[in-house]
Amino acid sequence: MNFQSLPELNRRVFLGRATRGLGAVALASLSTPTLLNAAATQGVLGKLPLPQKAKRVIWLSMAGGPSHLETFDYKPKLAEMHGQPMPESFTKGQQLAQLQGQKLSCFGPQHEFQKFGKNQTEICGLFPQIGSVIDDICLIRSMTTDAINHDPAHMFMNTGSQIAGRPSMGAWVTYGLGSESVDLPGFVVLTSLGKGGQNQPIAGRQWSSGFLPSRYQGVQLRGKGDPVLYLGTPPGVTRQQQGSDVEAINALNRQHASLVDDPEIATRITQYEMAFQMQASVPELMEISGEGAKTLELYGCQPGDGSFASNCLLARRLAERGVRFIQLYHKDWDHHGGLKEGIAFKAQEIDRACMALITDLKERGMLDSTLIVWAGEFGRTPMSQGGSGRDHHNKAMSVWMAGAGVRGGIVHGATDELGYAAVDKVATVHDLHATMLHQMGVQPDAFTVKFQGLDAKLTGVEGSKVMKDVLL
């Protein structure tokens, strides 16, 4: 509709004409759902250069920095040296966070480890449920990162850079691949609180789209209360009336976009449409009570409790509905003190839920096409902090992956005998990102966007490698 040629168009006529197509659009969406909002579901890469093993990613982010020494990396030598001075050969000239210049004492593992699975993989005995599915998991014990403080470490893990303003991995993935969902965002974030640590804040910039169009940023859904603020239809307004308003506003936005060619106007149009669709799709998504008692027992959650377990169940429901990238943050892993009790709390909160997510996806035939990644932002020191905790550490951390062509039941890499530094098959965050993109059918080094005269990419300019020996 050319509004410039209709200078006398009044509000009543405008709204009437602007909404003529709503019936046809609704009919099309029922018969062929992907036709609706097609532009929002199409990524820029088109035909992928590599076989796509992973159609979607579920990233389990343990915010605060889990100790690898009380989770997935057993060090009997460290146990032997508990209370003894840390050998200077390990730490001399090294970057230490809050332990810099202090007396360094070895701090042995605070919980027993047990063997699980066909290959008798040793993990902490606090995680027997994860142990029960260890044959589906690739455990990476040699991960490293560049950052040693929370916020830059989160930025690095999420964006490949410690500098704010870069696109998050979820934004990169949805920008490149689009989304298979027409009534939910392509990138969804869920957060949960725990107990036993420090509640480090998580900022929205961790799921930012950076210099990519803002339509690719993550959308946070709340696990308790209203999942999205202002999602409900105002009193006295019908859904048909609201749909007419959205269509009328977007007609004006499209007219404006044709004149100024501003990509953010296109974002505004798609976000109005997405918000309108989410008014129907989100309440249905969040209603997990219909899952049945067996499923709720598997995850160990109750409807609306806002727990990590509920968020894992929501992650599966989001995956079923075509969401491309799902990121779950679970807080309170920052154990500078009270480590023994704190890790026990964490295990209670995540152990069953992680097992349930893998088991549920596998039973539904979705694990082969879903890449699950479990990671914190850094590891912890093998030296004591305050006699009962561990400090931040970037030279060694454990992460694990499952599904989507990842080899299960194996351990990749190793740290030294005290768990201070990765020494075998050392992996970087860029390598992890490259492996993730590779499984999604994307050539990591070729997936770039011109920014400030440079070819920016998720995997950074330092170089990266796909960890091919963890893949089938």
Protein backbone atom coordinates (compact mmCIF):
# COMPACT_ATOMS: atom_id res chain seq x y z
CA MET A 1 0.00 0.00 0.00
CA ASN A 2 1.46 3.37 -1.06
CA PHE A 3 0.52 5.77 1.75
CA GLN A 4 2.06 8.74 -0.10
CA SER A 5 -0.62 8.41 -2.76
CA LEU A 6 -3.38 8.43 -0.14
CA PRO A 7 -3.00 11.77 1.68
CA GLU A 8 -6.65 11.80 2.80
CA LEU A 9 -6.61 8.27 4.21
CA ASN A 10 -8.39 8.42 7.58
CA ARG A 11 -7.79 6.16 10.56
CA ARG A 12 -10.89 4.00 10.06
CA VAL A 13 -10.14 3.30 6.39
CA PHE A 14 -6.45 2.78 7.11
CA LEU A 15 -7.09 0.16 9.81
CA GLY A 16 -9.65 -1.58 7.67
CA ARG A 17 -7.35 -1.88 4.68
CA ALA A 18 -4.27 -2.71 6.74
CA THR A 19 -5.97 -5.74 8.29
CA ARG A 20 -7.51 -7.24 5.15
CA GLY A 21 -4.66 -9.72 4.90
CA LEU A 22 -4.89 -11.03 8.45
CA GLY A 23 -7.35 -13.78 7.58
CA ALA A 24 -5.19 -15.00 4.73
CA VAL A 25 -2.08 -14.87 6.90
CA ALA A 26 -3.82 -16.85 9.65
CA LEU A 27 -4.99 -19.47 7.16
CA ALA A 28 -1.49 -19.74 5.69
CA SER A 29 0.02 -20.14 9.13
CA LEU A 30 -2.33 -23.03 9.90
CA SER A 31 -1.69 -24.87 6.64
CA THR A 32 2.04 -24.12 6.35
CA PRO A 33 3.41 -22.67 9.64
CA THR A 34 6.85 -21.88 8.24
CA LEU A 35 5.33 -19.42 5.76
CA LEU A 36 4.48 -17.11 8.64
CA ASN A 37 7.37 -14.85 9.57
CA ALA A 38 9.53 -16.64 7.01
CA ALA A 39 12.10 -13.85 6.96
CA ALA A 40 12.68 -14.30 10.68
CA THR A 41 13.32 -18.03 10.31
CA GLN A 42 15.79 -17.84 7.42
CA GLY A 43 19.49 -17.55 8.26
CA VAL A 44 22.04 -15.74 6.10
CA LEU A 45 24.13 -18.83 5.32
CA GLY A 46 21.57 -20.61 3.18
CA LYS A 47 22.94 -23.99 2.08
CA LEU A 48 25.40 -25.17 4.70
CA PRO A 49 28.92 -26.19 3.65
CA LEU A 50 29.15 -29.11 6.11
CA PRO A 51 26.79 -31.91 7.16
CA GLN A 52 24.51 -30.62 9.90
CA LYS A 53 24.65 -32.96 12.89
CA ALA A 54 23.20 -30.43 15.36
CA LYS A 55 19.95 -28.68 14.52
CA ARG A 56 19.93 -26.91 17.87
CA VAL A 57 22.11 -26.19 20.92
CA ILE A 58 21.21 -26.38 24.61
CA TRP A 59 23.97 -24.63 26.55
CA LEU A 60 23.98 -25.30 30.30
CA SER A 61 25.95 -22.44 31.84
CA MET A 62 27.06 -22.97 35.44
CA ALA A 63 27.57 -19.35 36.47
CA GLY A 64 30.24 -18.65 39.05
CA GLY A 65 32.96 -21.08 38.02
CA PRO A 66 32.46 -24.73 39.06
CA SER A 67 35.45 -26.49 40.59
CA HIS A 68 36.66 -29.19 38.22
CA LEU A 69 38.35 -30.79 41.24
CA GLU A 70 35.01 -31.53 42.93
CA THR A 71 33.09 -32.42 39.79
CA PHE A 72 34.82 -34.17 36.87
CA ASP A 73 38.61 -34.19 37.33
CA TYR A 74 39.88 -36.44 40.12
CA LYS A 75 43.39 -35.75 41.44
CA PRO A 76 44.60 -38.33 43.99
CA LYS A 77 48.02 -36.64 44.17
CA LEU A 78 46.34 -33.42 45.27
CA ALA A 79 44.54 -35.39 47.97
CA GLU A 80 47.90 -36.74 49.17
CA MET A 81 49.35 -33.23 49.35
CA HIS A 82 46.40 -31.67 51.15
CA GLY A 83 47.68 -28.93 53.47
CA GLN A 84 51.22 -29.00 52.08
CA PRO A 85 52.79 -26.01 50.29
CA MET A 86 51.91 -25.81 46.61
CA PRO A 87 55.09 -26.48 44.62
CA GLU A 88 56.42 -23.19 43.30
CA SER A 89 57.21 -24.82 39.97
CA PHE A 90 53.47 -24.80 39.20
CA THR A 91 52.70 -21.20 40.13
CA LYS A 92 55.84 -19.09 39.73
CA GLY A 93 55.16 -16.15 37.43
CA GLN A 94 51.58 -17.31 36.88
CA GLN A 95 48.43 -15.23 37.01
CA LEU A 96 46.57 -15.80 40.25
CA ALA A 97 43.37 -13.97 41.10
CA GLN A 98 42.90 -13.18 44.80
CA LEU A 99 45.73 -15.52 45.89
CA GLN A 100 48.44 -13.37 44.35
CA GLY A 101 51.28 -12.94 46.84
CA GLN A 102 49.70 -15.19 49.46
CA LYS A 103 50.93 -18.43 50.99
CA LEU A 104 49.71 -21.20 48.71
CA SER A 105 48.62 -24.52 50.20
CA CYS A 106 47.30 -27.59 48.39
CA PHE A 107 43.61 -28.19 48.92
CA GLY A 108 42.57 -31.77 48.28
CA PRO A 109 39.29 -32.87 46.67
CA GLN A 110 36.47 -32.41 49.16
CA HIS A 111 34.34 -35.33 47.98
CA GLU A 112 34.98 -38.90 46.90
CA PHE A 113 34.99 -39.87 43.24
CA GLN A 114 33.38 -42.96 41.74
CA LYS A 115 33.67 -44.85 38.46
CA PHE A 116 30.76 -44.93 36.03
CA GLY A 117 29.98 -46.35 32.61
CA LYS A 118 31.60 -48.86 30.30
CA ASN A 119 34.96 -47.09 30.48
CA GLN A 120 34.81 -46.60 34.26
CA THR A 121 35.08 -42.83 34.00
CA GLU A 122 35.77 -41.22 37.36
CA ILE A 123 33.58 -38.33 38.38
CA CYS A 124 32.53 -36.98 41.76
CA GLY A 125 30.20 -39.32 43.63
CA LEU A 126 27.80 -36.40 44.19
CA PHE A 127 26.70 -36.77 40.54
CA PRO A 128 25.45 -40.38 40.25
CA GLN A 129 22.66 -39.43 37.85
CA ILE A 130 25.10 -37.83 35.43
CA GLY A 131 27.24 -40.91 35.99
CA SER A 132 24.33 -43.07 34.85
CA VAL A 133 24.43 -41.40 31.40
CA ILE A 134 28.21 -40.93 31.22
CA ASP A 135 28.31 -43.21 28.16
CA ASP A 136 26.41 -40.50 26.28
CA ILE A 137 28.82 -37.76 27.44
CA CYS A 138 32.18 -36.59 26.15
CA LEU A 139 34.06 -35.22 29.16
CA ILE A 140 36.64 -32.56 28.29
CA ARG A 141 39.15 -32.14 31.12
CA SER A 142 41.60 -29.88 29.31
CA MET A 143 39.57 -26.74 28.69
CA THR A 144 41.22 -23.35 29.28
CA THR A 145 40.05 -19.77 29.06
CA ASP A 146 41.68 -16.33 28.82
CA ALA A 147 39.78 -14.55 31.59
CA ILE A 148 40.01 -14.85 35.36
CA ASN A 149 37.20 -12.59 36.61
CA HIS A 150 33.49 -13.34 36.27
CA ASP A 151 32.16 -10.75 33.84
CA PRO A 152 34.98 -10.86 31.27
CA ALA A 153 35.07 -14.65 31.60
CA HIS A 154 31.34 -14.86 30.83
CA MET A 155 31.88 -12.48 27.91
CA PHE A 156 34.70 -14.64 26.59
CA MET A 157 32.74 -17.87 26.95
CA ASN A 158 29.67 -16.34 25.30
CA THR A 159 31.20 -14.17 22.59
CA GLY A 160 34.82 -15.25 22.12
CA SER A 161 35.98 -11.85 23.37
CA GLN A 162 36.41 -10.25 26.79
CA ILE A 163 35.24 -6.94 25.35
CA ALA A 164 31.55 -6.14 25.64
CA GLY A 165 29.65 -5.38 22.46
CA ARG A 166 30.37 -8.57 20.53
CA PRO A 167 27.57 -10.93 19.45
CA SER A 168 26.89 -13.90 21.71
CA MET A 169 27.15 -17.40 20.32
CA GLY A 170 23.35 -17.73 20.33
CA ALA A 171 23.09 -14.59 18.21
CA TRP A 172 25.74 -15.88 15.78
CA VAL A 173 23.93 -19.19 15.39
CA THR A 174 20.46 -17.71 14.82
CA TYR A 175 21.92 -15.09 12.47
CA GLY A 176 23.59 -17.79 10.40
CA LEU A 177 21.01 -20.56 10.56
CA GLY A 178 17.75 -18.83 11.45
CA SER A 179 15.17 -20.66 13.52
CA GLU A 180 12.65 -23.41 12.88
CA SER A 181 10.15 -21.77 15.24
CA VAL A 182 7.61 -19.28 13.91
CA ASP A 183 6.03 -18.25 17.19
CA LEU A 184 9.00 -18.26 19.58
CA PRO A 185 12.35 -16.46 19.42
CA GLY A 186 15.23 -18.34 17.85
CA PHE A 187 17.44 -17.69 20.89
CA VAL A 188 15.95 -18.13 24.37
CA VAL A 189 17.62 -17.65 27.78
CA LEU A 190 16.44 -19.10 31.11
CA THR A 191 18.02 -18.43 34.51
CA SER A 192 17.74 -20.14 37.89
CA LEU A 193 19.08 -19.53 41.37
CA GLY A 194 20.61 -22.04 43.72
CA LYS A 195 22.10 -22.01 47.17
CA GLY A 196 25.52 -22.62 48.65
CA GLY A 197 27.54 -19.98 46.83
CA GLN A 198 27.48 -16.34 45.82
CA ASN A 199 24.74 -15.01 43.57
CA GLN A 200 26.89 -13.43 40.88
CA PRO A 201 24.80 -11.17 38.64
CA ILE A 202 24.25 -12.13 35.01
CA ALA A 203 23.88 -9.16 32.65
CA GLY A 204 21.75 -9.09 29.51
CA ARG A 205 24.87 -8.26 27.48
CA GLN A 206 25.82 -11.93 27.81
CA TRP A 207 23.12 -12.77 25.28
CA SER A 208 23.44 -9.60 23.22
CA SER A 209 23.44 -9.52 19.43
CA GLY A 210 26.34 -7.05 19.48
CA PHE A 211 26.92 -5.59 16.03
CA LEU A 212 24.47 -8.04 14.44
CA PRO A 213 20.86 -6.89 13.99
CA SER A 214 19.15 -6.75 17.37
CA ARG A 215 16.48 -9.26 16.32
CA TYR A 216 19.08 -11.98 16.97
CA GLN A 217 19.64 -11.19 20.64
CA GLY A 218 18.52 -13.69 23.24
CA VAL A 219 15.08 -13.33 24.78
CA GLN A 220 14.94 -14.11 28.49
CA LEU A 221 11.97 -16.09 29.79
CA ARG A 222 11.39 -16.09 33.53
CA GLY A 223 10.82 -19.45 35.22
CA LYS A 224 8.47 -18.04 37.90
CA GLY A 225 5.59 -15.62 37.55
CA ASP A 226 4.92 -14.06 34.15
CA PRO A 227 7.51 -15.53 31.76
CA VAL A 228 7.63 -12.23 29.85
CA LEU A 229 6.50 -8.89 31.25
CA TYR A 230 3.52 -7.21 29.55
CA LEU A 231 2.82 -10.33 27.51
CA GLY A 232 -0.88 -10.46 28.30
CA THR A 233 -3.55 -8.68 26.30
CA PRO A 234 -4.72 -5.50 28.09
CA PRO A 235 -8.19 -5.60 29.66
CA GLY A 236 -10.94 -4.66 27.23
CA VAL A 237 -8.83 -5.40 24.15
CA THR A 238 -9.51 -8.52 22.10
CA ARG A 239 -6.77 -10.47 20.38
CA GLN A 240 -8.28 -9.55 17.01
CA GLN A 241 -8.12 -5.85 17.89
CA GLN A 242 -4.54 -6.18 19.05
CA GLY A 243 -3.62 -8.04 15.87
CA SER A 244 -5.14 -5.21 13.83
CA ASP A 245 -3.08 -2.67 15.75
CA VAL A 246 0.12 -4.64 15.22
CA GLU A 247 -0.55 -4.93 11.50
CA ALA A 248 -1.33 -1.23 11.23
CA ILE A 249 1.82 -0.23 13.12
CA ASN A 250 3.94 -2.54 10.98
CA ALA A 251 2.40 -1.17 7.80
CA LEU A 252 3.66 2.25 8.88
CA ASN A 253 7.03 0.79 9.81
CA ARG A 254 7.35 -0.87 6.40
CA GLN A 255 6.55 2.41 4.70
CA HIS A 256 9.19 4.15 6.82
CA ALA A 257 11.71 1.38 6.09
CA SER A 258 11.24 1.82 2.35
CA LEU A 259 12.27 5.45 2.73
CA VAL A 260 15.23 5.25 5.14
CA ASP A 261 16.49 1.66 4.68
CA ASP A 262 17.26 1.24 8.40
CA PRO A 263 17.74 -2.45 9.38
CA GLU A 264 16.52 -1.70 12.90
CA ILE A 265 13.09 -0.90 11.49
CA ALA A 266 12.98 -4.41 10.05
CA THR A 267 13.87 -5.66 13.52
CA ARG A 268 11.07 -3.57 15.03
CA ILE A 269 8.58 -5.11 12.57
CA THR A 270 9.60 -8.69 13.29
CA GLN A 271 9.66 -8.08 17.04
CA TYR A 272 6.11 -6.67 17.01
CA GLU A 273 5.00 -9.75 15.11
CA MET A 274 6.95 -12.09 17.39
CA ALA A 275 5.56 -10.48 20.55
CA PHE A 276 2.02 -10.89 19.21
CA GLN A 277 2.65 -14.57 18.43
CA MET A 278 4.29 -15.14 21.82
CA GLN A 279 1.11 -14.07 23.59
CA ALA A 280 -0.32 -17.40 22.47
CA SER A 281 2.79 -19.59 22.31
CA VAL A 282 4.54 -18.73 25.60
CA PRO A 283 1.70 -19.58 28.01
CA GLU A 284 1.33 -22.97 26.30
CA LEU A 285 5.11 -23.49 26.44
CA MET A 286 5.32 -22.73 30.16
CA GLU A 287 2.42 -25.03 31.10
CA ILE A 288 4.52 -28.07 32.02
CA SER A 289 1.89 -29.65 34.26
CA GLY A 290 0.55 -31.44 31.21
CA GLU A 291 3.83 -33.34 30.85
CA GLY A 292 2.60 -36.02 33.24
CA ALA A 293 3.83 -37.32 36.56
CA LYS A 294 6.44 -39.62 35.01
CA THR A 295 8.21 -36.80 33.20
CA LEU A 296 8.06 -34.44 36.18
CA GLU A 297 9.52 -37.19 38.36
CA LEU A 298 12.27 -37.83 35.82
CA TYR A 299 13.38 -34.19 35.98
CA GLY A 300 12.61 -33.81 39.69
CA CYS A 301 10.65 -30.58 39.34
CA GLN A 302 7.26 -29.07 40.01
CA PRO A 303 5.34 -26.79 37.64
CA GLY A 304 6.28 -23.15 38.10
CA ASP A 305 9.04 -23.70 40.68
CA GLY A 306 11.63 -21.79 38.61
CA SER A 307 14.30 -24.41 39.29
CA PHE A 308 17.13 -25.54 37.05
CA ALA A 309 15.24 -28.81 36.65
CA SER A 310 12.12 -27.01 35.39
CA ASN A 311 14.28 -24.99 33.02
CA CYS A 312 15.80 -28.20 31.63
CA LEU A 313 12.29 -29.47 30.94
CA LEU A 314 11.43 -26.14 29.32
CA ALA A 315 14.60 -26.45 27.24
CA ARG A 316 13.35 -29.74 25.84
CA ARG A 317 9.97 -28.16 25.09
CA LEU A 318 11.68 -25.22 23.37
CA ALA A 319 13.79 -27.63 21.33
CA GLU A 320 10.65 -29.48 20.24
CA ARG A 321 9.18 -26.18 19.07
CA GLY A 322 12.10 -25.35 16.79
CA VAL A 323 14.08 -22.88 18.91
CA ARG A 324 17.64 -22.87 17.61
CA PHE A 325 19.71 -21.88 20.66
CA ILE A 326 18.63 -22.39 24.27
CA GLN A 327 20.87 -21.16 27.10
CA LEU A 328 20.29 -22.02 30.75
CA TYR A 329 22.15 -20.14 33.48
CA HIS A 330 22.32 -21.72 36.91
CA LYS A 331 23.97 -19.44 39.47
CA ASP A 332 25.89 -19.75 42.75
CA TRP A 333 28.95 -21.79 41.76
CA ASP A 334 31.40 -19.21 43.14
CA HIS A 335 32.83 -21.10 46.11
CA HIS A 336 35.58 -18.97 47.63
CA GLY A 337 34.55 -20.54 50.93
CA GLY A 338 32.27 -23.34 52.07
CA LEU A 339 33.19 -25.37 49.01
CA LYS A 340 32.36 -28.79 50.41
CA GLU A 341 28.81 -27.87 51.38
CA GLY A 342 28.31 -25.63 48.35
CA ILE A 343 29.19 -28.31 45.80
CA ALA A 344 26.82 -30.70 47.55
CA PHE A 345 24.00 -28.15 47.12
CA LYS A 346 24.87 -27.71 43.45
CA ALA A 347 24.85 -31.45 42.84
CA GLN A 348 21.37 -31.75 44.32
CA GLU A 349 20.14 -28.98 42.03
CA ILE A 350 21.56 -30.15 38.69
CA ASP A 351 22.45 -33.85 38.80
CA ARG A 352 19.05 -35.38 38.11
CA ALA A 353 18.01 -32.61 35.72
CA CYS A 354 21.07 -33.05 33.48
CA MET A 355 20.48 -36.80 33.34
CA ALA A 356 16.80 -36.24 32.62
CA LEU A 357 17.48 -33.85 29.75
CA ILE A 358 19.80 -36.35 28.05
CA THR A 359 17.46 -39.27 28.73
CA ASP A 360 14.33 -37.41 27.61
CA LEU A 361 15.88 -36.19 24.36
CA LYS A 362 17.24 -39.65 23.66
CA GLU A 363 13.86 -41.32 24.22
CA ARG A 364 12.22 -38.81 21.87
CA GLY A 365 14.82 -39.37 19.14
CA MET A 366 16.12 -35.80 19.51
CA LEU A 367 19.53 -36.30 21.12
CA ASP A 368 21.17 -37.12 17.78
CA SER A 369 20.23 -33.65 16.52
CA THR A 370 20.65 -31.67 19.76
CA LEU A 371 24.06 -30.53 21.01
CA ILE A 372 24.18 -30.20 24.81
CA VAL A 373 27.11 -28.32 26.35
CA TRP A 374 27.77 -28.02 30.10
CA ALA A 375 30.32 -25.37 31.11
CA GLY A 376 31.19 -22.66 33.61
CA GLU A 377 33.20 -19.53 32.85
CA PHE A 378 36.45 -20.85 34.40
CA GLY A 379 37.75 -23.48 36.83
CA ARG A 380 39.10 -23.23 40.38
CA THR A 381 42.56 -23.36 41.92
CA PRO A 382 44.01 -26.51 43.49
CA MET A 383 45.18 -24.18 46.26
CA SER A 384 43.06 -23.27 49.26
CA GLN A 385 41.41 -19.90 49.70
CA GLY A 386 40.57 -19.16 53.32
CA GLY A 387 40.90 -22.80 54.25
CA SER A 388 37.54 -23.89 52.82
CA GLY A 389 37.29 -22.65 49.25
CA ARG A 390 39.04 -22.20 45.91
CA ASP A 391 39.87 -19.09 43.89
CA HIS A 392 39.17 -18.38 40.21
CA HIS A 393 41.42 -20.22 37.75
CA ASN A 394 41.69 -20.06 33.96
CA LYS A 395 44.33 -22.70 33.19
CA ALA A 396 42.13 -25.73 33.85
CA MET A 397 38.42 -26.41 33.75
CA SER A 398 36.13 -29.29 32.84
CA VAL A 399 33.23 -29.11 30.41
CA TRP A 400 31.15 -31.80 28.80
CA MET A 401 29.19 -32.29 25.61
CA ALA A 402 26.53 -34.76 24.52
CA GLY A 403 24.47 -35.53 21.44
CA ALA A 404 24.67 -34.38 17.82
CA GLY A 405 27.57 -36.51 16.66
CA VAL A 406 29.65 -36.20 19.83
CA ARG A 407 31.43 -39.38 20.94
CA GLY A 408 29.94 -40.54 24.22
CA GLY A 409 31.76 -42.33 27.01
CA ILE A 410 35.17 -40.77 26.37
CA VAL A 411 37.49 -38.36 28.16
CA HIS A 412 39.30 -35.74 26.12
CA GLY A 413 42.55 -34.29 27.44
CA ALA A 414 43.97 -34.08 30.93
CA THR A 415 45.39 -31.71 33.52
CA ASP A 416 48.63 -32.13 35.46
CA GLU A 417 48.76 -34.29 38.59
CA LEU A 418 47.53 -31.45 40.81
CA GLY A 419 44.86 -30.15 38.43
CA TYR A 420 46.58 -26.79 38.02
CA ALA A 421 46.91 -26.64 34.23
CA ALA A 422 45.73 -28.52 31.16
CA VAL A 423 48.66 -30.46 29.71
CA ASP A 424 47.22 -32.95 27.21
CA LYS A 425 45.05 -32.05 24.21
CA VAL A 426 44.72 -28.52 25.55
CA ALA A 427 41.49 -26.90 24.33
CA THR A 428 40.44 -23.26 24.21
CA VAL A 429 37.05 -21.57 24.26
CA HIS A 430 37.58 -20.78 20.58
CA ASP A 431 38.06 -24.50 19.92
CA LEU A 432 34.81 -25.23 21.74
CA HIS A 433 32.97 -22.65 19.64
CA ALA A 434 34.54 -23.99 16.45
CA THR A 435 33.45 -27.53 17.32
CA MET A 436 29.94 -26.34 18.05
CA LEU A 437 29.68 -24.51 14.71
CA HIS A 438 31.17 -27.48 12.86
CA GLN A 439 28.46 -29.76 14.21
CA MET A 440 25.83 -27.26 13.08
CA GLY A 441 27.12 -27.48 9.52
CA VAL A 442 29.03 -24.19 9.62
CA GLN A 443 32.67 -23.72 8.56
CA PRO A 444 33.93 -21.85 11.66
CA ASP A 445 36.68 -19.73 10.10
CA ALA A 446 34.52 -18.79 7.11
CA PHE A 447 31.53 -17.57 9.12
CA THR A 448 32.39 -13.87 9.36
CA VAL A 449 30.75 -10.46 9.40
CA LYS A 450 32.54 -7.28 8.36
CA PHE A 451 32.83 -5.02 11.41
CA GLN A 452 35.05 -1.96 11.74
CA GLY A 453 36.95 -3.06 8.65
CA LEU A 454 37.70 -6.55 9.95
CA ASP A 455 36.18 -9.98 9.34
CA ALA A 456 34.76 -10.60 12.81
CA LYS A 457 33.85 -14.15 13.83
CA LEU A 458 32.76 -16.08 16.90
CA THR A 459 36.00 -18.06 16.96
CA GLY A 460 38.19 -14.94 17.19
CA VAL A 461 41.30 -13.92 15.31
CA GLU A 462 43.74 -15.95 17.42
CA GLY A 463 42.91 -19.16 15.58
CA SER A 464 40.84 -22.17 16.53
CA LYS A 465 40.57 -25.87 15.80
CA VAL A 466 37.68 -28.26 15.66
CA MET A 467 38.18 -30.97 18.29
CA LYS A 468 37.63 -33.74 15.75
CA ASP A 469 38.68 -36.59 18.04
CA VAL A 470 35.59 -35.92 20.23
CA LEU A 471 33.32 -36.36 17.20
CA LEU A 472 31.93 -39.49 15.59
